[in-house]
PDB file of N, CA and C in Angstrom:
ATOM      1  N   MET A   1     -90.387  11.179 -22.043  1.00  0.00           N
ATOM      2  CA  MET A   1     -88.629  11.414 -21.847  1.00  0.00           C
ATOM      3  C   MET A   1     -88.503  12.740 -22.150  1.00  0.00           C
ATOM      4  N   LEU A   2     -87.568  13.426 -21.634  1.00  0.00           N
ATOM      5  CA  LEU A   2     -87.245  14.688 -21.959  1.00  0.00           C
ATOM      6  C   LEU A   2     -86.143  14.765 -23.029  1.00  0.00           C
ATOM      7  N   ASP A   3     -86.112  15.845 -23.852  1.00  0.00           N
ATOM      8  CA  ASP A   3     -84.976  15.876 -24.767  1.00  0.00           C
ATOM      9  C   ASP A   3     -83.819  16.409 -24.027  1.00  0.00           C
ATOM     10  N   GLN A   4     -82.462  16.497 -24.453  1.00  0.00           N
ATOM     11  CA  GLN A   4     -81.434  16.880 -23.923  1.00  0.00           C
ATOM     12  C   GLN A   4     -81.514  18.415 -23.471  1.00  0.00           C
ATOM     13  N   ASN A   5     -81.873  19.147 -24.376  1.00  0.00           N
ATOM     14  CA  ASN A   5     -82.002  20.709 -23.702  1.00  0.00           C
ATOM     15  C   ASN A   5     -82.949  20.977 -22.610  1.00  0.00           C
ATOM     16  N   GLN A   6     -83.918  20.060 -22.833  1.00  0.00           N
ATOM     17  CA  GLN A   6     -84.887  20.370 -21.625  1.00  0.00           C
ATOM     18  C   GLN A   6     -84.591  19.635 -20.237  1.00  0.00           C
ATOM     19  N   LEU A   7     -83.681  18.567 -20.573  1.00  0.00           N
ATOM     20  CA  LEU A   7     -83.110  17.830 -19.269  1.00  0.00           C
ATOM     21  C   LEU A   7     -81.998  18.585 -18.699  1.00  0.00           C
ATOM     22  N   THR A   8     -81.307  19.316 -19.565  1.00  0.00           N
ATOM     23  CA  THR A   8     -80.252  20.243 -19.111  1.00  0.00           C
ATOM     24  C   THR A   8     -80.845  21.457 -18.341  1.00  0.00           C
ATOM     25  N   ASN A   9     -81.843  21.904 -19.077  1.00  0.00           N
ATOM     26  CA  ASN A   9     -82.530  23.081 -18.255  1.00  0.00           C
ATOM     27  C   ASN A   9     -83.122  22.799 -17.051  1.00  0.00           C
ATOM     28  N   ASN A  10     -83.708  21.553 -17.053  1.00  0.00           N
ATOM     29  CA  ASN A  10     -84.590  21.071 -15.789  1.00  0.00           C
ATOM     30  C   ASN A  10     -83.458  20.885 -14.640  1.00  0.00           C
ATOM     31  N   ILE A  11     -82.383  20.408 -15.011  1.00  0.00           N
ATOM     32  CA  ILE A  11     -81.081  19.913 -14.077  1.00  0.00           C
ATOM     33  C   ILE A  11     -80.586  21.451 -13.461  1.00  0.00           C
ATOM     34  N   ASN A  12     -80.539  22.356 -14.310  1.00  0.00           N
ATOM     35  CA  ASN A  12     -79.906  23.624 -13.930  1.00  0.00           C
ATOM     36  C   ASN A  12     -80.807  24.263 -13.164  1.00  0.00           C
ATOM     37  N   ALA A  13     -82.147  24.120 -13.309  1.00  0.00           N
ATOM     38  CA  ALA A  13     -83.459  24.734 -12.326  1.00  0.00           C
ATOM     39  C   ALA A  13     -83.199  24.090 -11.020  1.00  0.00           C
ATOM     40  N   TRP A  14     -83.165  22.820 -11.148  1.00  0.00           N
ATOM     41  CA  TRP A  14     -82.969  22.145  -9.718  1.00  0.00           C
ATOM     42  C   TRP A  14     -81.813  22.516  -8.980  1.00  0.00           C
ATOM     43  N   LEU A  15     -80.745  22.618  -9.568  1.00  0.00           N
ATOM     44  CA  LEU A  15     -79.388  23.046  -8.982  1.00  0.00           C
ATOM     45  C   LEU A  15     -79.722  24.542  -8.274  1.00  0.00           C
ATOM     46  N   LEU A  16     -80.025  25.470  -9.024  1.00  0.00           N
ATOM     47  CA  LEU A  16     -80.285  26.828  -8.713  1.00  0.00           C
ATOM     48  C   LEU A  16     -81.213  26.852  -7.464  1.00  0.00           C
ATOM     49  N   ASP A  17     -82.337  26.113  -7.671  1.00  0.00           N
ATOM     50  CA  ASP A  17     -83.313  26.069  -6.427  1.00  0.00           C
ATOM     51  C   ASP A  17     -82.742  25.748  -5.087  1.00  0.00           C
ATOM     52  N   ARG A  18     -81.539  24.917  -5.426  1.00  0.00           N
ATOM     53  CA  ARG A  18     -81.036  24.090  -4.190  1.00  0.00           C
ATOM     54  C   ARG A  18     -79.810  25.091  -3.903  1.00  0.00           C
ATOM     55  N   ASN A  19     -79.641  26.274  -4.419  1.00  0.00           N
ATOM     56  CA  ASN A  19     -78.515  27.222  -3.893  1.00  0.00           C
ATOM     57  C   ASN A  19     -77.132  26.784  -4.553  1.00  0.00           C
ATOM     58  N   PHE A  20     -77.187  26.030  -5.646  1.00  0.00           N
ATOM     59  CA  PHE A  20     -75.784  25.674  -6.005  1.00  0.00           C
ATOM     60  C   PHE A  20     -74.802  26.646  -6.473  1.00  0.00           C
ATOM     61  N   LEU A  21     -75.397  27.634  -7.047  1.00  0.00           N
ATOM     62  CA  LEU A  21     -74.559  28.692  -7.536  1.00  0.00           C
ATOM     63  C   LEU A  21     -73.824  29.241  -6.420  1.00  0.00           C
ATOM     64  N   SER A  22     -74.477  29.583  -5.415  1.00  0.00           N
ATOM     65  CA  SER A  22     -73.546  30.271  -4.335  1.00  0.00           C
ATOM     66  C   SER A  22     -73.244  29.594  -3.387  1.00  0.00           C
ATOM     67  N   GLY A  23     -73.953  28.471  -3.122  1.00  0.00           N
ATOM     68  CA  GLY A  23     -73.337  27.466  -2.165  1.00  0.00           C
ATOM     69  C   GLY A  23     -72.623  26.139  -2.223  1.00  0.00           C
ATOM     70  N   ALA A  24     -72.323  25.750  -3.687  1.00  0.00           N
ATOM     71  CA  ALA A  24     -71.572  24.470  -3.830  1.00  0.00           C
ATOM     72  C   ALA A  24     -69.966  25.108  -3.972  1.00  0.00           C
ATOM     73  N   THR A  25     -68.964  24.282  -3.642  1.00  0.00           N
ATOM     74  CA  THR A  25     -67.779  24.312  -3.899  1.00  0.00           C
ATOM     75  C   THR A  25     -67.156  23.380  -5.112  1.00  0.00           C
ATOM     76  N   THR A  26     -66.320  23.541  -5.599  1.00  0.00           N
ATOM     77  CA  THR A  26     -65.896  22.705  -6.814  1.00  0.00           C
ATOM     78  C   THR A  26     -65.234  21.726  -5.814  1.00  0.00           C
ATOM     79  N   GLU A  27     -64.533  21.690  -4.762  1.00  0.00           N
ATOM     80  CA  GLU A  27     -63.988  20.703  -4.093  1.00  0.00           C
ATOM     81  C   GLU A  27     -65.107  19.758  -3.747  1.00  0.00           C
ATOM     82  N   GLY A  28     -66.118  20.332  -3.239  1.00  0.00           N
ATOM     83  CA  GLY A  28     -67.246  19.550  -2.579  1.00  0.00           C
ATOM     84  C   GLY A  28     -67.941  18.650  -3.911  1.00  0.00           C
ATOM     85  N   GLN A  29     -68.149  19.251  -4.810  1.00  0.00           N
ATOM     86  CA  GLN A  29     -68.582  18.568  -6.172  1.00  0.00           C
ATOM     87  C   GLN A  29     -67.858  17.291  -6.520  1.00  0.00           C
ATOM     88  N   ILE A  30     -66.214  17.800  -6.344  1.00  0.00           N
ATOM     89  CA  ILE A  30     -65.348  16.526  -6.939  1.00  0.00           C
ATOM     90  C   ILE A  30     -65.528  15.433  -5.872  1.00  0.00           C
ATOM     91  N   ASP A  31     -65.764  15.653  -4.585  1.00  0.00           N
ATOM     92  CA  ASP A  31     -65.684  14.571  -3.610  1.00  0.00           C
ATOM     93  C   ASP A  31     -66.930  14.114  -4.097  1.00  0.00           C
ATOM     94  N   LYS A  32     -68.238  14.332  -4.420  1.00  0.00           N
ATOM     95  CA  LYS A  32     -69.498  14.021  -4.795  1.00  0.00           C
ATOM     96  C   LYS A  32     -69.501  13.114  -5.981  1.00  0.00           C
ATOM     97  N   LEU A  33     -68.582  13.696  -7.090  1.00  0.00           N
ATOM     98  CA  LEU A  33     -68.668  12.824  -8.111  1.00  0.00           C
ATOM     99  C   LEU A  33     -67.679  11.508  -7.905  1.00  0.00           C
ATOM    100  N   ARG A  34     -66.801  11.480  -7.086  1.00  0.00           N
ATOM    101  CA  ARG A  34     -66.056  10.333  -6.664  1.00  0.00           C
ATOM    102  C   ARG A  34     -67.048   9.343  -6.012  1.00  0.00           C
ATOM    103  N   GLU A  35     -67.936   9.936  -5.179  1.00  0.00           N
ATOM    104  CA  GLU A  35     -68.788   9.215  -4.573  1.00  0.00           C
ATOM    105  C   GLU A  35     -69.934   8.342  -5.700  1.00  0.00           C
ATOM    106  N   GLU A  36     -70.165   9.025  -6.712  1.00  0.00           N
ATOM    107  CA  GLU A  36     -71.100   8.571  -7.435  1.00  0.00           C
ATOM    108  C   GLU A  36     -70.480   7.747  -8.458  1.00  0.00           C
ATOM    109  N   VAL A  37     -69.138   8.102  -8.828  1.00  0.00           N
ATOM    110  CA  VAL A  37     -68.678   6.873  -9.537  1.00  0.00           C
ATOM    111  C   VAL A  37     -68.163   5.612  -8.967  1.00  0.00           C
ATOM    112  N   GLU A  38     -67.968   5.838  -7.693  1.00  0.00           N
ATOM    113  CA  GLU A  38     -67.832   4.402  -6.794  1.00  0.00           C
ATOM    114  C   GLU A  38     -69.214   3.767  -6.699  1.00  0.00           C
ATOM    115  N   GLU A  39     -70.329   4.387  -6.718  1.00  0.00           N
ATOM    116  CA  GLU A  39     -71.546   3.804  -6.701  1.00  0.00           C
ATOM    117  C   GLU A  39     -71.987   3.129  -7.927  1.00  0.00           C
ATOM    118  N   PHE A  40     -71.411   3.650  -9.044  1.00  0.00           N
ATOM    119  CA  PHE A  40     -71.554   2.782 -10.381  1.00  0.00           C
ATOM    120  C   PHE A  40     -70.459   1.810 -10.543  1.00  0.00           C
ATOM    121  N   VAL A  41     -69.314   2.073  -9.937  1.00  0.00           N
ATOM    122  CA  VAL A  41     -68.558   0.780  -9.782  1.00  0.00           C
ATOM    123  C   VAL A  41     -68.956  -0.382  -9.128  1.00  0.00           C
ATOM    124  N   ASP A  42     -69.509  -0.001  -7.966  1.00  0.00           N
ATOM    125  CA  ASP A  42     -70.331  -0.970  -7.215  1.00  0.00           C
ATOM    126  C   ASP A  42     -71.406  -1.743  -7.679  1.00  0.00           C
ATOM    127  N   ALA A  43     -72.164  -0.991  -8.593  1.00  0.00           N
ATOM    128  CA  ALA A  43     -73.403  -1.462  -9.223  1.00  0.00           C
ATOM    129  C   ALA A  43     -72.835  -2.184 -10.430  1.00  0.00           C
ATOM    130  N   PHE A  44     -72.235  -1.905 -11.065  1.00  0.00           N
ATOM    131  CA  PHE A  44     -71.454  -2.597 -12.093  1.00  0.00           C
ATOM    132  C   PHE A  44     -70.854  -4.071 -11.687  1.00  0.00           C
ATOM    133  N   PHE A  45     -70.050  -3.999 -10.963  1.00  0.00           N
ATOM    134  CA  PHE A  45     -69.757  -5.280 -10.411  1.00  0.00           C
ATOM    135  C   PHE A  45     -70.677  -6.149  -9.462  1.00  0.00           C
ATOM    136  N   ASP A  46     -71.746  -5.769  -9.155  1.00  0.00           N
ATOM    137  CA  ASP A  46     -72.965  -6.127  -8.485  1.00  0.00           C
ATOM    138  C   ASP A  46     -73.780  -6.989  -9.741  1.00  0.00           C
ATOM    139  N   GLY A  47     -73.607  -6.376 -10.931  1.00  0.00           N
ATOM    140  CA  GLY A  47     -74.782  -6.918 -11.940  1.00  0.00           C
ATOM    141  C   GLY A  47     -75.744  -6.059 -11.937  1.00  0.00           C
ATOM    142  N   ASN A  48     -75.894  -4.863 -11.326  1.00  0.00           N
ATOM    143  CA  ASN A  48     -77.123  -4.201 -10.924  1.00  0.00           C
ATOM    144  C   ASN A  48     -77.560  -2.988 -12.000  1.00  0.00           C
ATOM    145  N   LYS A  49     -78.236  -3.352 -12.945  1.00  0.00           N
ATOM    146  CA  LYS A  49     -78.276  -2.411 -14.105  1.00  0.00           C
ATOM    147  C   LYS A  49     -79.154  -1.067 -13.567  1.00  0.00           C
ATOM    148  N   THR A  50     -80.033  -1.590 -12.625  1.00  0.00           N
ATOM    149  CA  THR A  50     -81.066  -0.309 -12.201  1.00  0.00           C
ATOM    150  C   THR A  50     -80.308   0.667 -11.446  1.00  0.00           C
ATOM    151  N   GLU A  51     -79.174   0.241 -10.537  1.00  0.00           N
ATOM    152  CA  GLU A  51     -78.324   1.078  -9.566  1.00  0.00           C
ATOM    153  C   GLU A  51     -77.316   1.731 -10.584  1.00  0.00           C
ATOM    154  N   MET A  52     -76.674   1.088 -11.773  1.00  0.00           N
ATOM    155  CA  MET A  52     -75.904   1.696 -12.611  1.00  0.00           C
ATOM    156  C   MET A  52     -76.381   2.687 -13.512  1.00  0.00           C
ATOM    157  N   LYS A  53     -77.748   2.725 -13.897  1.00  0.00           N
ATOM    158  CA  LYS A  53     -78.627   3.826 -14.477  1.00  0.00           C
ATOM    159  C   LYS A  53     -78.834   4.994 -13.554  1.00  0.00           C
ATOM    160  N   ASP A  54     -78.898   4.619 -12.282  1.00  0.00           N
ATOM    161  CA  ASP A  54     -79.055   5.772 -11.442  1.00  0.00           C
ATOM    162  C   ASP A  54     -77.895   6.483 -11.073  1.00  0.00           C
ATOM    163  N   ALA A  55     -76.645   5.727 -10.986  1.00  0.00           N
ATOM    164  CA  ALA A  55     -75.495   6.168 -10.857  1.00  0.00           C
ATOM    165  C   ALA A  55     -74.924   7.312 -12.059  1.00  0.00           C
ATOM    166  N   ILE A  56     -75.234   6.719 -13.086  1.00  0.00           N
ATOM    167  CA  ILE A  56     -74.796   7.550 -14.359  1.00  0.00           C
ATOM    168  C   ILE A  56     -75.553   8.820 -14.243  1.00  0.00           C
ATOM    169  N   GLY A  57     -77.097   8.712 -13.896  1.00  0.00           N
ATOM    170  CA  GLY A  57     -77.751   9.913 -14.101  1.00  0.00           C
ATOM    171  C   GLY A  57     -77.200  10.843 -12.802  1.00  0.00           C
ATOM    172  N   ASP A  58     -76.837  10.427 -11.676  1.00  0.00           N
ATOM    173  CA  ASP A  58     -76.094  11.123 -10.372  1.00  0.00           C
ATOM    174  C   ASP A  58     -74.926  11.959 -10.818  1.00  0.00           C
ATOM    175  N   ILE A  59     -74.190  11.039 -11.871  1.00  0.00           N
ATOM    176  CA  ILE A  59     -72.879  11.522 -12.494  1.00  0.00           C
ATOM    177  C   ILE A  59     -73.214  12.727 -13.040  1.00  0.00           C
ATOM    178  N   ARG A  60     -74.267  12.675 -14.171  1.00  0.00           N
ATOM    179  CA  ARG A  60     -74.628  13.797 -14.788  1.00  0.00           C
ATOM    180  C   ARG A  60     -74.921  14.964 -14.035  1.00  0.00           C
ATOM    181  N   VAL A  61     -75.714  14.693 -13.271  1.00  0.00           N
ATOM    182  CA  VAL A  61     -76.265  16.036 -12.478  1.00  0.00           C
ATOM    183  C   VAL A  61     -75.009  16.750 -11.592  1.00  0.00           C
ATOM    184  N   VAL A  62     -74.151  15.870 -11.100  1.00  0.00           N
ATOM    185  CA  VAL A  62     -72.895  16.273 -10.431  1.00  0.00           C
ATOM    186  C   VAL A  62     -71.986  17.034 -11.445  1.00  0.00           C
ATOM    187  N   LEU A  63     -71.747  16.441 -12.814  1.00  0.00           N
ATOM    188  CA  LEU A  63     -71.059  17.442 -13.785  1.00  0.00           C
ATOM    189  C   LEU A  63     -71.593  18.787 -14.163  1.00  0.00           C
ATOM    190  N   GLN A  64     -73.059  18.668 -14.105  1.00  0.00           N
ATOM    191  CA  GLN A  64     -73.644  19.993 -14.376  1.00  0.00           C
ATOM    192  C   GLN A  64     -73.281  20.870 -13.281  1.00  0.00           C
ATOM    193  N   ALA A  65     -73.563  20.385 -12.011  1.00  0.00           N
ATOM    194  CA  ALA A  65     -73.188  21.145 -10.900  1.00  0.00           C
ATOM    195  C   ALA A  65     -71.742  21.637 -10.749  1.00  0.00           C
ATOM    196  N   LEU A  66     -70.859  20.945 -11.229  1.00  0.00           N
ATOM    197  CA  LEU A  66     -69.307  21.337 -11.250  1.00  0.00           C
ATOM    198  C   LEU A  66     -69.473  22.287 -12.454  1.00  0.00           C
ATOM    199  N   CYS A  67     -70.092  22.085 -13.546  1.00  0.00           N
ATOM    200  CA  CYS A  67     -70.033  23.269 -14.709  1.00  0.00           C
ATOM    201  C   CYS A  67     -70.422  24.759 -13.790  1.00  0.00           C
ATOM    202  N   MET A  68     -71.564  24.535 -13.384  1.00  0.00           N
ATOM    203  CA  MET A  68     -72.257  25.774 -12.572  1.00  0.00           C
ATOM    204  C   MET A  68     -71.357  26.125 -11.650  1.00  0.00           C
ATOM    205  N   THR A  69     -70.840  25.553 -10.858  1.00  0.00           N
ATOM    206  CA  THR A  69     -69.808  26.133  -9.806  1.00  0.00           C
ATOM    207  C   THR A  69     -68.920  26.965 -10.385  1.00  0.00           C
ATOM    208  N   GLU A  70     -68.122  26.495 -11.622  1.00  0.00           N
ATOM    209  CA  GLU A  70     -67.049  26.748 -12.162  1.00  0.00           C
ATOM    210  C   GLU A  70     -67.427  27.792 -13.650  1.00  0.00           C
ATOM    211  N   GLY A  71     -68.806  28.311 -13.647  1.00  0.00           N
ATOM    212  CA  GLY A  71     -69.178  29.112 -14.626  1.00  0.00           C
ATOM    213  C   GLY A  71     -69.117  28.653 -16.020  1.00  0.00           C
ATOM    214  N   LEU A  72     -69.173  27.219 -16.111  1.00  0.00           N
ATOM    215  CA  LEU A  72     -69.312  26.854 -17.607  1.00  0.00           C
ATOM    216  C   LEU A  72     -70.289  26.108 -17.955  1.00  0.00           C
ATOM    217  N   ASP A  73     -70.638  26.064 -19.208  1.00  0.00           N
ATOM    218  CA  ASP A  73     -71.839  25.466 -19.969  1.00  0.00           C
ATOM    219  C   ASP A  73     -71.761  24.053 -20.092  1.00  0.00           C
ATOM    220  N   PHE A  74     -72.505  23.344 -19.483  1.00  0.00           N
ATOM    221  CA  PHE A  74     -72.313  21.855 -19.669  1.00  0.00           C
ATOM    222  C   PHE A  74     -72.347  21.304 -21.102  1.00  0.00           C
ATOM    223  N   ASP A  75     -73.693  21.990 -21.768  1.00  0.00           N
ATOM    224  CA  ASP A  75     -73.484  21.295 -23.512  1.00  0.00           C
ATOM    225  C   ASP A  75     -72.464  21.823 -24.144  1.00  0.00           C
ATOM    226  N   LEU A  76     -71.798  23.001 -23.897  1.00  0.00           N
ATOM    227  CA  LEU A  76     -70.621  23.602 -24.653  1.00  0.00           C
ATOM    228  C   LEU A  76     -69.544  22.765 -24.101  1.00  0.00           C
ATOM    229  N   CYS A  77     -69.542  22.115 -22.842  1.00  0.00           N
ATOM    230  CA  CYS A  77     -68.270  21.080 -22.537  1.00  0.00           C
ATOM    231  C   CYS A  77     -68.585  20.147 -23.363  1.00  0.00           C
ATOM    232  N   CYS A  78     -69.569  19.181 -23.625  1.00  0.00           N
ATOM    233  CA  CYS A  78     -69.758  18.302 -24.043  1.00  0.00           C
ATOM    234  C   CYS A  78     -69.489  18.426 -25.550  1.00  0.00           C
ATOM    235  N   ASN A  79     -70.004  19.662 -26.234  1.00  0.00           N
ATOM    236  CA  ASN A  79     -70.107  19.710 -27.751  1.00  0.00           C
ATOM    237  C   ASN A  79     -68.275  19.906 -27.738  1.00  0.00           C
ATOM    238  N   LYS A  80     -67.683  20.408 -27.049  1.00  0.00           N
ATOM    239  CA  LYS A  80     -66.248  20.607 -27.453  1.00  0.00           C
ATOM    240  C   LYS A  80     -65.714  19.357 -27.216  1.00  0.00           C
ATOM    241  N   ALA A  81     -65.986  18.521 -26.474  1.00  0.00           N
ATOM    242  CA  ALA A  81     -65.330  17.128 -26.336  1.00  0.00           C
ATOM    243  C   ALA A  81     -65.778  16.280 -27.525  1.00  0.00           C
ATOM    244  N   TYR A  82     -66.911  16.306 -28.081  1.00  0.00           N
ATOM    245  CA  TYR A  82     -67.410  15.673 -29.130  1.00  0.00           C
ATOM    246  C   TYR A  82     -66.653  16.156 -30.333  1.00  0.00           C
ATOM    247  N   ASN A  83     -66.499  17.597 -30.373  1.00  0.00           N
ATOM    248  CA  ASN A  83     -65.627  18.096 -31.793  1.00  0.00           C
ATOM    249  C   ASN A  83     -64.195  17.579 -31.826  1.00  0.00           C
ATOM    250  N   GLU A  84     -63.669  17.450 -30.364  1.00  0.00           N
ATOM    251  CA  GLU A  84     -62.378  16.909 -30.386  1.00  0.00           C
ATOM    252  C   GLU A  84     -62.051  15.133 -30.913  1.00  0.00           C
ATOM    253  N   ILE A  85     -63.413  14.902 -30.448  1.00  0.00           N
ATOM    254  CA  ILE A  85     -63.064  13.015 -30.777  1.00  0.00           C
ATOM    255  C   ILE A  85     -63.652  12.660 -32.241  1.00  0.00           C
ATOM    256  N   LYS A  86     -64.559  13.414 -32.857  1.00  0.00           N
ATOM    257  CA  LYS A  86     -65.597  13.208 -33.797  1.00  0.00           C
ATOM    258  C   LYS A  86     -64.771  12.545 -34.945  1.00  0.00           C
ATOM    259  N   HIS A  87     -63.628  12.975 -35.260  1.00  0.00           N
ATOM    260  CA  HIS A  87     -62.834  12.664 -36.458  1.00  0.00           C
ATOM    261  C   HIS A  87     -61.722  11.440 -36.040  1.00  0.00           C
ATOM    262  N   ARG A  88     -61.617  11.130 -34.692  1.00  0.00           N
ATOM    263  CA  ARG A  88     -60.564  10.513 -34.217  1.00  0.00           C
ATOM    264  C   ARG A  88     -60.434   9.057 -34.337  1.00  0.00           C
ATOM    265  N   THR A  89     -59.573   8.437 -34.865  1.00  0.00           N
ATOM    266  CA  THR A  89     -59.473   7.006 -35.283  1.00  0.00           C
ATOM    267  C   THR A  89     -58.562   6.476 -34.306  1.00  0.00           C
ATOM    268  N   GLY A  90     -58.455   5.033 -34.255  1.00  0.00           N
ATOM    269  CA  GLY A  90     -57.836   4.247 -33.012  1.00  0.00           C
ATOM    270  C   GLY A  90     -58.412   2.877 -33.283  1.00  0.00           C
ATOM    271  N   THR A  91     -57.991   2.215 -32.278  1.00  0.00           N
ATOM    272  CA  THR A  91     -58.405   0.803 -32.034  1.00  0.00           C
ATOM    273  C   THR A  91     -58.789   0.603 -30.661  1.00  0.00           C
ATOM    274  N   MET A  92     -59.403  -0.552 -30.366  1.00  0.00           N
ATOM    275  CA  MET A  92     -59.997  -0.900 -29.050  1.00  0.00           C
ATOM    276  C   MET A  92     -58.986  -1.974 -28.598  1.00  0.00           C
ATOM    277  N   THR A  93     -58.210  -1.583 -27.704  1.00  0.00           N
ATOM    278  CA  THR A  93     -56.967  -2.416 -27.164  1.00  0.00           C
ATOM    279  C   THR A  93     -57.386  -3.075 -25.619  1.00  0.00           C
ATOM    280  N   ASN A  94     -57.883  -4.043 -25.386  1.00  0.00           N
ATOM    281  CA  ASN A  94     -58.026  -4.379 -23.996  1.00  0.00           C
ATOM    282  C   ASN A  94     -58.996  -3.757 -23.253  1.00  0.00           C
ATOM    283  N   GLY A  95     -60.343  -3.537 -24.179  1.00  0.00           N
ATOM    284  CA  GLY A  95     -61.343  -3.141 -23.830  1.00  0.00           C
ATOM    285  C   GLY A  95     -61.333  -1.334 -23.696  1.00  0.00           C
ATOM    286  N   VAL A  96     -60.391  -0.877 -24.240  1.00  0.00           N
ATOM    287  CA  VAL A  96     -60.424   0.584 -24.209  1.00  0.00           C
ATOM    288  C   VAL A  96     -60.123   1.120 -25.458  1.00  0.00           C
ATOM    289  N   PHE A  97     -60.447   2.233 -25.902  1.00  0.00           N
ATOM    290  CA  PHE A  97     -60.238   3.010 -27.294  1.00  0.00           C
ATOM    291  C   PHE A  97     -59.004   3.613 -27.082  1.00  0.00           C
ATOM    292  N   VAL A  98     -57.770   3.301 -27.998  1.00  0.00           N
ATOM    293  CA  VAL A  98     -56.824   3.946 -27.797  1.00  0.00           C
ATOM    294  C   VAL A  98     -56.545   4.632 -29.486  1.00  0.00           C
ATOM    295  N   LYS A  99     -56.501   6.065 -29.187  1.00  0.00           N
ATOM    296  CA  LYS A  99     -56.411   6.687 -30.463  1.00  0.00           C
ATOM    297  C   LYS A  99     -54.920   6.500 -30.985  1.00  0.00           C
ATOM    298  N   ASP A 100     -55.282   6.861 -32.498  1.00  0.00           N
ATOM    299  CA  ASP A 100     -54.075   6.808 -33.408  1.00  0.00           C
ATOM    300  C   ASP A 100     -52.978   7.797 -32.977  1.00  0.00           C
TER     301      ASP A 100
END
């Protein structure tokens, strides 16, 4: 299994090899993200863990493609999100974390 840095680098290289930098559009990647999230939802309700794993991986790849399309760094985006939530407190309500 690859560490997260190598995984990010490998995905970025895969995207570049397939012309995502100049060929992809944000709108197209948003549509693809919707498709992958729908695949995850279907797999979840079917109880298919193998397909859930595949969909989650695909979602990550599409998010990285969105970052590349918008000139953003995926890892920096994830770090920013974590830094915003790391000290957040709240409670679980109806299966969802609700911040204070």
